[in-house]
């Protein structure tokens, strides 16, 4: 393309301060360096991870390199950064050493990567890449410790290696999944983060058999994606567990057959589920991040064959407590990261599930706004209205 090798000026939504509205700014985006790709983002979607860090509900830092010295600043205090990790775009140019992608390829950026060389990438049992595993602290490119974004010569920092709230962004090649160019980017862009996480937690980790009973804890977008996986697997009974009764109607679209609100019962919800299912559910997937829900998910599965999968991220000081006999009675507890999908290897097939009409993505997309109205998308997420809001970058 004519822009290859040149600095591109474009629009980006910049977070100047934690918890404050994002500002649409003109940024300069440098060309990609070795093993990097510059991507033109066409559609982006807001996910809860962005809100979580934008609100500064976690203690994290941006790592900045100045004259070869590694300095750290808390997010929102000394730095400005470009958020987001859920988008779809087209390759504009590639850096030295990139052979799998060429300009014009359709790609999904992913917050975690697949270098294909480390022990985790070579393992059939893991997707936790040693080189490109998610790092919320690093605000620069992994190759040279520099940002590819500037405003008037001052660096604007990256977020989880993607920063897709920008019309153009630079991403390590290992964090890009090449997909079918016929797939509509305004739909499949939601597979970059939460939807794949929930879907894979069920299909790849819980692995419910046809006709089985599955409980899903937490009916946000990730939980409903886990429920979609249970529907696709042929579960005969899918029980949604949530503190908000209004979520039941929406969950029915994803195959929910029963709904349990823990607040409606005087006994622990795991006991309620065990009684409902004559000994426990076959599979449970927890998508809340609350430690009580995690324990309940494990303790509600059937002895002998029950499997519980933890998806939500708990408070760093949370402690999981249960009786050892729950394990000795042959219940299994598992964890998952990005649904155990290897981004480059597996995500293209998830897109094909949608193309074959096995996976229904449209029901996750509840709102659409121009990129210029990005703060409206944040308001919708903060109010709990809808699941995914798609933003068209050229509007």
Protein backbone atom coordinates (compact mmCIF):
# COMPACT_ATOMS: atom_id res chain seq x y z
CA UNK A 1 0.00 0.00 0.00
CA UNK A 2 1.05 3.59 -0.56
CA UNK A 3 1.32 4.17 3.16
CA UNK A 4 3.77 1.29 3.77
CA UNK A 5 6.91 2.45 5.55
CA UNK A 6 5.44 5.85 6.36
CA UNK A 7 3.98 7.34 9.52
CA UNK A 8 0.18 7.39 9.34
CA UNK A 9 -1.92 10.05 10.99
CA UNK A 10 -5.35 8.86 12.07
CA UNK A 11 -8.05 9.09 14.73
CA UNK A 12 -7.76 7.28 18.03
CA UNK A 13 -9.64 7.33 21.32
CA UNK A 14 -7.08 8.25 23.96
CA UNK A 15 -7.47 7.69 27.70
CA UNK A 16 -5.74 10.64 29.33
CA UNK A 17 -6.93 9.82 32.82
CA UNK A 18 -8.46 6.76 34.46
CA UNK A 19 -12.25 6.90 34.67
CA UNK A 20 -12.54 10.01 32.48
CA UNK A 21 -14.24 10.12 29.05
CA UNK A 22 -11.99 9.10 26.18
CA UNK A 23 -10.86 11.83 23.80
CA UNK A 24 -10.81 11.44 20.01
CA UNK A 25 -7.34 12.65 18.97
CA UNK A 26 -5.16 12.66 15.88
CA UNK A 27 -2.27 10.29 16.54
CA UNK A 28 0.80 9.33 14.55
CA UNK A 29 1.23 5.59 14.02
CA UNK A 30 4.76 4.48 13.13
CA UNK A 31 5.49 1.72 10.59
CA UNK A 32 5.79 -1.83 11.91
CA UNK A 33 9.21 -3.09 12.94
CA UNK A 34 10.52 -6.69 12.87
CA UNK A 35 7.76 -9.28 13.49
CA UNK A 36 5.13 -6.53 13.67
CA UNK A 37 2.09 -5.75 11.56
CA UNK A 38 0.26 -2.48 11.04
CA UNK A 39 -3.48 -3.07 10.84
CA UNK A 40 -6.29 -0.85 9.61
CA UNK A 41 -9.08 -1.40 12.13
CA UNK A 42 -12.53 -1.37 10.54
CA UNK A 43 -14.71 -2.41 13.47
CA UNK A 44 -14.10 -2.49 17.17
CA UNK A 45 -16.24 -3.60 20.11
CA UNK A 46 -16.09 -2.60 23.74
CA UNK A 47 -15.49 -5.42 26.19
CA UNK A 48 -15.63 -5.38 29.98
CA UNK A 49 -11.83 -5.72 30.23
CA UNK A 50 -11.48 -2.24 28.76
CA UNK A 51 -13.93 -0.77 31.27
CA UNK A 52 -12.22 -2.60 34.12
CA UNK A 53 -8.81 -1.10 33.42
CA UNK A 54 -10.15 2.27 32.29
CA UNK A 55 -11.83 2.63 35.68
CA UNK A 56 -8.49 1.70 37.29
CA UNK A 57 -10.16 -0.97 39.43
CA UNK A 58 -6.93 -2.91 39.31
CA UNK A 59 -3.50 -1.79 40.39
CA UNK A 60 -1.37 -1.96 37.29
CA UNK A 61 1.47 -0.05 35.70
CA UNK A 62 2.64 0.94 32.27
CA UNK A 63 6.24 -0.05 31.65
CA UNK A 64 8.13 2.74 29.90
CA UNK A 65 11.66 2.57 28.55
CA UNK A 66 13.66 5.79 28.64
CA UNK A 67 17.33 5.71 27.62
CA UNK A 68 17.36 1.93 28.16
CA UNK A 69 16.00 2.35 31.69
CA UNK A 70 12.81 0.58 32.63
CA UNK A 71 10.42 2.98 34.40
CA UNK A 72 6.94 2.21 35.69
CA UNK A 73 3.99 4.52 36.10
CA UNK A 74 0.50 3.65 37.37
CA UNK A 75 -2.09 3.73 34.60
CA UNK A 76 -3.85 7.07 34.47
CA UNK A 77 -1.26 8.96 36.53
CA UNK A 78 1.72 9.69 34.28
CA UNK A 79 0.56 8.13 31.04
CA UNK A 80 -1.94 8.32 28.22
CA UNK A 81 -2.86 5.12 26.47
CA UNK A 82 -5.08 3.59 23.78
CA UNK A 83 -7.33 0.78 24.99
CA UNK A 84 -9.22 -2.14 23.50
CA UNK A 85 -8.55 -5.69 22.43
CA UNK A 86 -11.68 -6.68 20.49
CA UNK A 87 -11.71 -5.73 16.83
CA UNK A 88 -11.44 -6.75 13.21
CA UNK A 89 -9.29 -5.22 10.50
CA UNK A 90 -7.13 -5.52 7.40
CA UNK A 91 -3.35 -5.72 7.21
CA UNK A 92 -1.89 -2.44 5.89
CA UNK A 93 1.80 -3.37 5.99
CA UNK A 94 4.15 -5.85 7.62
CA UNK A 95 7.56 -5.59 9.23
CA UNK A 96 10.73 -7.59 8.64
CA UNK A 97 10.39 -11.32 9.23
CA UNK A 98 6.61 -11.47 8.84
CA UNK A 99 5.79 -14.20 6.32
CA UNK A 100 2.32 -15.47 7.29
CA UNK A 101 0.52 -12.21 6.58
CA UNK A 102 0.47 -9.84 3.62
CA UNK A 103 -1.28 -6.51 3.03
CA UNK A 104 -4.97 -7.04 2.46
CA UNK A 105 -5.34 -10.04 4.77
CA UNK A 106 -8.30 -9.94 7.16
CA UNK A 107 -7.28 -10.39 10.78
CA UNK A 108 -8.56 -10.48 14.34
CA UNK A 109 -6.21 -8.97 16.95
CA UNK A 110 -6.00 -10.96 20.20
CA UNK A 111 -4.80 -9.83 23.63
CA UNK A 112 -2.75 -13.00 24.01
CA UNK A 113 -0.48 -14.50 21.40
CA UNK A 114 0.99 -17.60 19.86
CA UNK A 115 4.67 -17.46 18.96
CA UNK A 116 4.55 -21.12 17.81
CA UNK A 117 8.07 -21.74 19.16
CA UNK A 118 7.80 -21.97 22.96
CA UNK A 119 6.94 -25.08 24.97
CA UNK A 120 3.37 -23.88 25.56
CA UNK A 121 2.74 -23.21 21.88
CA UNK A 122 4.13 -26.61 20.93
CA UNK A 123 1.98 -28.34 23.54
CA UNK A 124 -1.45 -29.63 22.54
CA UNK A 125 -2.66 -28.93 26.08
CA UNK A 126 -1.81 -25.24 26.51
CA UNK A 127 -2.29 -21.85 24.90
CA UNK A 128 -0.20 -19.89 27.43
CA UNK A 129 2.51 -18.58 25.11
CA UNK A 130 5.73 -17.78 26.98
CA UNK A 131 6.54 -14.80 24.75
CA UNK A 132 3.13 -13.26 24.06
CA UNK A 133 0.95 -14.17 27.01
CA UNK A 134 -1.23 -11.24 28.09
CA UNK A 135 0.71 -8.54 29.91
CA UNK A 136 -1.36 -5.61 31.14
CA UNK A 137 1.72 -3.84 32.47
CA UNK A 138 3.65 -3.49 29.23
CA UNK A 139 2.73 -0.30 27.37
CA UNK A 140 5.25 -0.68 24.56
CA UNK A 141 6.17 -3.08 21.78
CA UNK A 142 7.98 -6.20 22.87
CA UNK A 143 10.74 -5.90 20.23
CA UNK A 144 12.37 -2.59 21.12
CA UNK A 145 10.49 -1.33 24.18
CA UNK A 146 9.07 1.65 22.30
CA UNK A 147 5.54 2.82 21.54
CA UNK A 148 4.33 3.06 17.95
CA UNK A 149 1.85 5.81 18.89
CA UNK A 150 2.71 9.47 19.36
CA UNK A 151 0.94 12.82 19.56
CA UNK A 152 3.17 15.74 18.61
CA UNK A 153 6.18 13.54 19.22
CA UNK A 154 5.13 12.42 22.71
CA UNK A 155 4.48 8.68 23.20
CA UNK A 156 0.98 7.33 23.74
CA UNK A 157 1.11 3.85 25.21
CA UNK A 158 -0.27 0.52 24.08
CA UNK A 159 -2.64 -1.74 25.99
CA UNK A 160 -2.36 -5.58 26.03
CA UNK A 161 -0.48 -5.45 22.74
CA UNK A 162 -3.49 -4.51 20.60
CA UNK A 163 -4.81 -0.93 21.20
CA UNK A 164 -7.64 -1.20 18.70
CA UNK A 165 -9.35 2.07 19.64
CA UNK A 166 -7.33 3.53 16.77
CA UNK A 167 -7.95 3.55 13.03
CA UNK A 168 -4.47 2.06 12.63
CA UNK A 169 -2.51 0.07 15.18
CA UNK A 170 0.71 -1.94 15.30
CA UNK A 171 0.57 -5.48 16.69
CA UNK A 172 3.03 -8.37 17.04
CA UNK A 173 2.34 -10.91 14.32
CA UNK A 174 1.81 -13.59 16.95
CA UNK A 175 -1.26 -11.75 18.22
CA UNK A 176 -3.10 -11.72 14.90
CA UNK A 177 -5.37 -14.47 13.59
CA UNK A 178 -5.74 -14.56 9.80
CA UNK A 179 -9.37 -15.29 8.95
CA UNK A 180 -11.66 -15.97 6.02
CA UNK A 181 -11.98 -12.69 4.04
CA UNK A 182 -15.64 -13.53 3.39
CA UNK A 183 -16.44 -13.36 7.11
CA UNK A 184 -18.18 -10.06 8.03
CA UNK A 185 -15.78 -8.16 10.28
CA UNK A 186 -18.63 -6.29 11.93
CA UNK A 187 -19.79 -9.63 13.36
CA UNK A 188 -16.70 -11.78 13.87
CA UNK A 189 -14.78 -8.94 15.55
CA UNK A 190 -16.48 -9.97 18.82
CA UNK A 191 -14.49 -13.23 18.73
CA UNK A 192 -11.27 -11.40 19.63
CA UNK A 193 -11.84 -11.62 23.37
CA UNK A 194 -14.77 -12.46 25.65
CA UNK A 195 -17.02 -14.47 23.34
CA UNK A 196 -14.23 -16.89 22.43
CA UNK A 197 -13.24 -17.11 26.09
CA UNK A 198 -16.69 -18.26 27.19
CA UNK A 199 -17.33 -20.43 24.17
CA UNK A 200 -14.01 -22.25 24.49
CA UNK A 201 -14.44 -22.72 28.24
CA UNK A 202 -17.41 -24.93 27.46
CA UNK A 203 -16.43 -26.58 24.17
CA UNK A 204 -12.70 -27.05 24.82
CA UNK A 205 -12.49 -27.47 28.60
CA UNK A 206 -15.83 -28.51 30.13
CA UNK A 207 -16.68 -30.62 27.04
CA UNK A 208 -20.28 -31.47 27.92
CA UNK A 209 -21.71 -34.53 26.23
CA UNK A 210 -24.92 -34.43 24.23
CA UNK A 211 -27.89 -34.59 26.59
CA UNK A 212 -25.93 -33.44 29.63
CA UNK A 213 -26.87 -30.85 32.26
CA UNK A 214 -24.78 -27.65 32.42
CA UNK A 215 -24.85 -24.78 34.90
CA UNK A 216 -23.50 -21.37 33.88
CA UNK A 217 -22.63 -18.92 36.68
CA UNK A 218 -22.85 -15.30 35.53
CA UNK A 219 -24.92 -14.27 32.51
CA UNK A 220 -22.86 -11.45 31.09
CA UNK A 221 -21.42 -11.73 27.58
CA UNK A 222 -18.78 -14.31 28.59
CA UNK A 223 -21.30 -16.42 30.50
CA UNK A 224 -23.76 -16.32 27.62
CA UNK A 225 -20.95 -17.36 25.27
CA UNK A 226 -20.32 -20.32 27.58
CA UNK A 227 -24.04 -21.03 27.39
CA UNK A 228 -23.90 -20.83 23.60
CA UNK A 229 -21.20 -23.50 23.76
CA UNK A 230 -23.46 -25.71 25.87
CA UNK A 231 -26.26 -25.25 23.33
CA UNK A 232 -23.92 -26.12 20.47
CA UNK A 233 -22.74 -29.23 22.35
CA UNK A 234 -26.32 -30.47 22.65
CA UNK A 235 -26.86 -30.08 26.40
CA UNK A 236 -30.44 -30.99 27.30
CA UNK A 237 -30.67 -28.77 30.36
CA UNK A 238 -28.83 -25.46 30.75
CA UNK A 239 -29.21 -23.69 34.08
CA UNK A 240 -28.32 -20.01 34.33
CA UNK A 241 -27.23 -18.69 37.73
CA UNK A 242 -27.25 -14.93 38.27
CA UNK A 243 -28.22 -12.33 40.85
CA UNK A 244 -30.15 -10.33 38.25
CA UNK A 245 -33.49 -11.99 37.35
CA UNK A 246 -33.87 -9.73 34.32
CA UNK A 247 -31.12 -11.67 32.58
CA UNK A 248 -33.22 -14.83 32.26
CA UNK A 249 -35.21 -13.62 29.24
CA UNK A 250 -32.07 -12.79 27.31
CA UNK A 251 -30.43 -16.07 28.35
CA UNK A 252 -33.29 -18.03 26.79
CA UNK A 253 -31.95 -16.98 23.39
CA UNK A 254 -28.75 -18.88 24.22
CA UNK A 255 -30.46 -22.09 25.27
CA UNK A 256 -31.14 -21.40 28.96
CA UNK A 257 -33.83 -23.80 30.24
CA UNK A 258 -33.77 -22.94 33.96
CA UNK A 259 -32.80 -19.92 36.03
CA UNK A 260 -31.61 -19.75 39.63
CA UNK A 261 -31.13 -16.54 41.61
CA UNK A 262 -29.07 -17.31 44.74
CA UNK A 263 -30.86 -14.47 46.56
CA UNK A 264 -34.15 -16.40 46.29
CA UNK A 265 -32.88 -19.21 48.51
CA UNK A 266 -31.86 -19.54 52.14
CA UNK A 267 -29.42 -22.40 51.45
CA UNK A 268 -26.19 -22.19 49.40
CA UNK A 269 -26.89 -22.17 45.67
CA UNK A 270 -24.78 -25.30 45.15
CA UNK A 271 -27.18 -27.23 47.37
CA UNK A 272 -30.12 -25.87 45.37
CA UNK A 273 -28.55 -27.07 42.12
CA UNK A 274 -27.71 -30.50 43.51
CA UNK A 275 -31.34 -30.95 44.57
CA UNK A 276 -32.63 -29.72 41.20
CA UNK A 277 -30.51 -32.21 39.28
CA UNK A 278 -30.63 -35.34 41.43
CA UNK A 279 -27.05 -35.21 42.62
CA UNK A 280 -25.47 -32.37 40.67
CA UNK A 281 -24.91 -31.02 37.18
CA UNK A 282 -22.60 -32.76 34.73
CA UNK A 283 -20.70 -29.57 33.97
CA UNK A 284 -20.48 -26.08 35.49
CA UNK A 285 -18.80 -22.99 34.04
CA UNK A 286 -18.13 -19.99 36.29
CA UNK A 287 -17.92 -16.58 34.61
CA UNK A 288 -18.19 -14.05 37.45
CA UNK A 289 -14.79 -13.82 39.11
CA UNK A 290 -16.43 -14.00 42.56
CA UNK A 291 -14.84 -16.60 44.79
CA UNK A 292 -18.19 -17.74 46.27
CA UNK A 293 -19.49 -18.44 42.77
CA UNK A 294 -16.31 -20.37 41.97
CA UNK A 295 -16.72 -22.58 45.02
CA UNK A 296 -20.42 -23.08 44.28
CA UNK A 297 -19.67 -24.06 40.67
CA UNK A 298 -17.30 -26.78 41.85
CA UNK A 299 -19.50 -28.06 44.64
CA UNK A 300 -22.61 -28.31 42.45
CA UNK A 301 -21.17 -30.81 39.97
CA UNK A 302 -22.03 -34.49 40.20
CA UNK A 303 -19.64 -36.86 41.93
CA UNK A 304 -17.95 -39.42 39.73
CA UNK A 305 -17.86 -37.35 36.54
CA UNK A 306 -18.70 -33.72 37.25
CA UNK A 307 -16.38 -31.05 35.85
CA UNK A 308 -16.29 -27.38 36.88
CA UNK A 309 -14.41 -24.77 34.86
CA UNK A 310 -13.32 -21.40 36.25
CA UNK A 311 -13.25 -18.50 33.78
CA UNK A 312 -13.70 -15.35 35.88
CA UNK A 313 -10.68 -13.54 37.32
CA UNK A 314 -10.95 -13.24 41.12
CA UNK A 315 -9.45 -10.68 43.45
CA UNK A 316 -5.74 -11.42 43.82
CA UNK A 317 -6.16 -12.19 47.54
CA UNK A 318 -9.15 -14.51 47.10
CA UNK A 319 -8.75 -18.04 48.46
CA UNK A 320 -10.57 -21.09 47.12
CA UNK A 321 -11.77 -23.32 49.96
CA UNK A 322 -13.55 -26.64 49.66
CA UNK A 323 -13.50 -30.04 51.30
CA UNK A 324 -10.83 -32.42 49.92
CA UNK A 325 -13.46 -35.16 49.76
CA UNK A 326 -15.02 -33.26 46.85
CA UNK A 327 -11.93 -34.21 44.85
CA UNK A 328 -11.70 -37.71 46.23
CA UNK A 329 -15.30 -38.23 45.14
CA UNK A 330 -14.08 -37.71 41.58
CA UNK A 331 -15.16 -34.18 40.88
CA UNK A 332 -12.80 -32.24 38.61
CA UNK A 333 -11.86 -28.56 38.83
CA UNK A 334 -10.27 -26.83 35.85
CA UNK A 335 -9.23 -23.34 34.84
CA UNK A 336 -9.02 -21.78 31.40
CA UNK A 337 -7.51 -18.79 29.64
CA UNK A 338 -9.06 -17.46 26.41
CA UNK A 339 -11.09 -20.66 26.25
CA UNK A 340 -7.91 -22.68 25.62
CA UNK A 341 -7.84 -21.38 22.05
CA UNK A 342 -4.47 -20.83 20.39
CA UNK A 343 -5.16 -17.52 18.59
CA UNK A 344 -3.42 -18.11 15.28
CA UNK A 345 -4.15 -21.82 15.04
CA UNK A 346 -7.68 -22.09 16.41
CA UNK A 347 -9.48 -18.78 15.99
CA UNK A 348 -9.89 -19.11 12.20
CA UNK A 349 -11.94 -22.26 12.79
CA UNK A 350 -14.16 -20.45 15.31
CA UNK A 351 -14.88 -17.94 12.55
CA UNK A 352 -15.79 -20.86 10.28
CA UNK A 353 -18.25 -22.11 12.93
CA UNK A 354 -20.04 -18.80 12.45
CA UNK A 355 -19.84 -19.04 8.66
CA UNK A 356 -21.40 -22.53 8.84
CA UNK A 357 -24.20 -21.06 11.01
CA UNK A 358 -23.29 -23.31 13.93
CA UNK A 359 -22.32 -20.36 16.10
CA UNK A 360 -24.79 -17.47 16.35
CA UNK A 361 -22.99 -14.16 16.87
CA UNK A 362 -25.73 -11.69 15.99
CA UNK A 363 -27.52 -12.19 19.31
CA UNK A 364 -24.42 -10.93 21.17
CA UNK A 365 -24.48 -7.63 19.26
CA UNK A 366 -27.07 -5.42 20.90
CA UNK A 367 -25.88 -1.92 19.96
CA UNK A 368 -23.99 -0.09 17.24
CA UNK A 369 -22.56 3.44 17.38
CA UNK A 370 -20.06 5.48 15.34
CA UNK A 371 -16.50 5.50 16.69
CA UNK A 372 -16.92 9.22 17.33
CA UNK A 373 -19.51 8.28 19.98
CA UNK A 374 -17.27 5.84 21.82
CA UNK A 375 -18.19 7.25 25.21
CA UNK A 376 -21.80 6.24 24.54
CA UNK A 377 -20.56 2.65 24.30
CA UNK A 378 -18.90 3.03 27.69
CA UNK A 379 -22.13 4.39 29.17
CA UNK A 380 -24.08 1.39 27.84
CA UNK A 381 -21.56 -1.02 29.36
CA UNK A 382 -21.51 0.78 32.71
CA UNK A 383 -25.32 0.72 32.89
CA UNK A 384 -25.40 -2.98 32.06
CA UNK A 385 -27.44 -2.35 28.93
CA UNK A 386 -26.76 -4.86 26.18
CA UNK A 387 -23.88 -7.23 25.52
CA UNK A 388 -21.68 -5.91 22.75
CA UNK A 389 -21.63 -2.50 21.11
CA UNK A 390 -19.97 -2.42 17.68
CA UNK A 391 -18.23 0.74 16.52
CA UNK A 392 -17.49 1.49 12.89
CA UNK A 393 -14.13 3.23 12.75
CA UNK A 394 -14.80 5.42 9.73
CA UNK A 395 -17.80 7.11 11.34
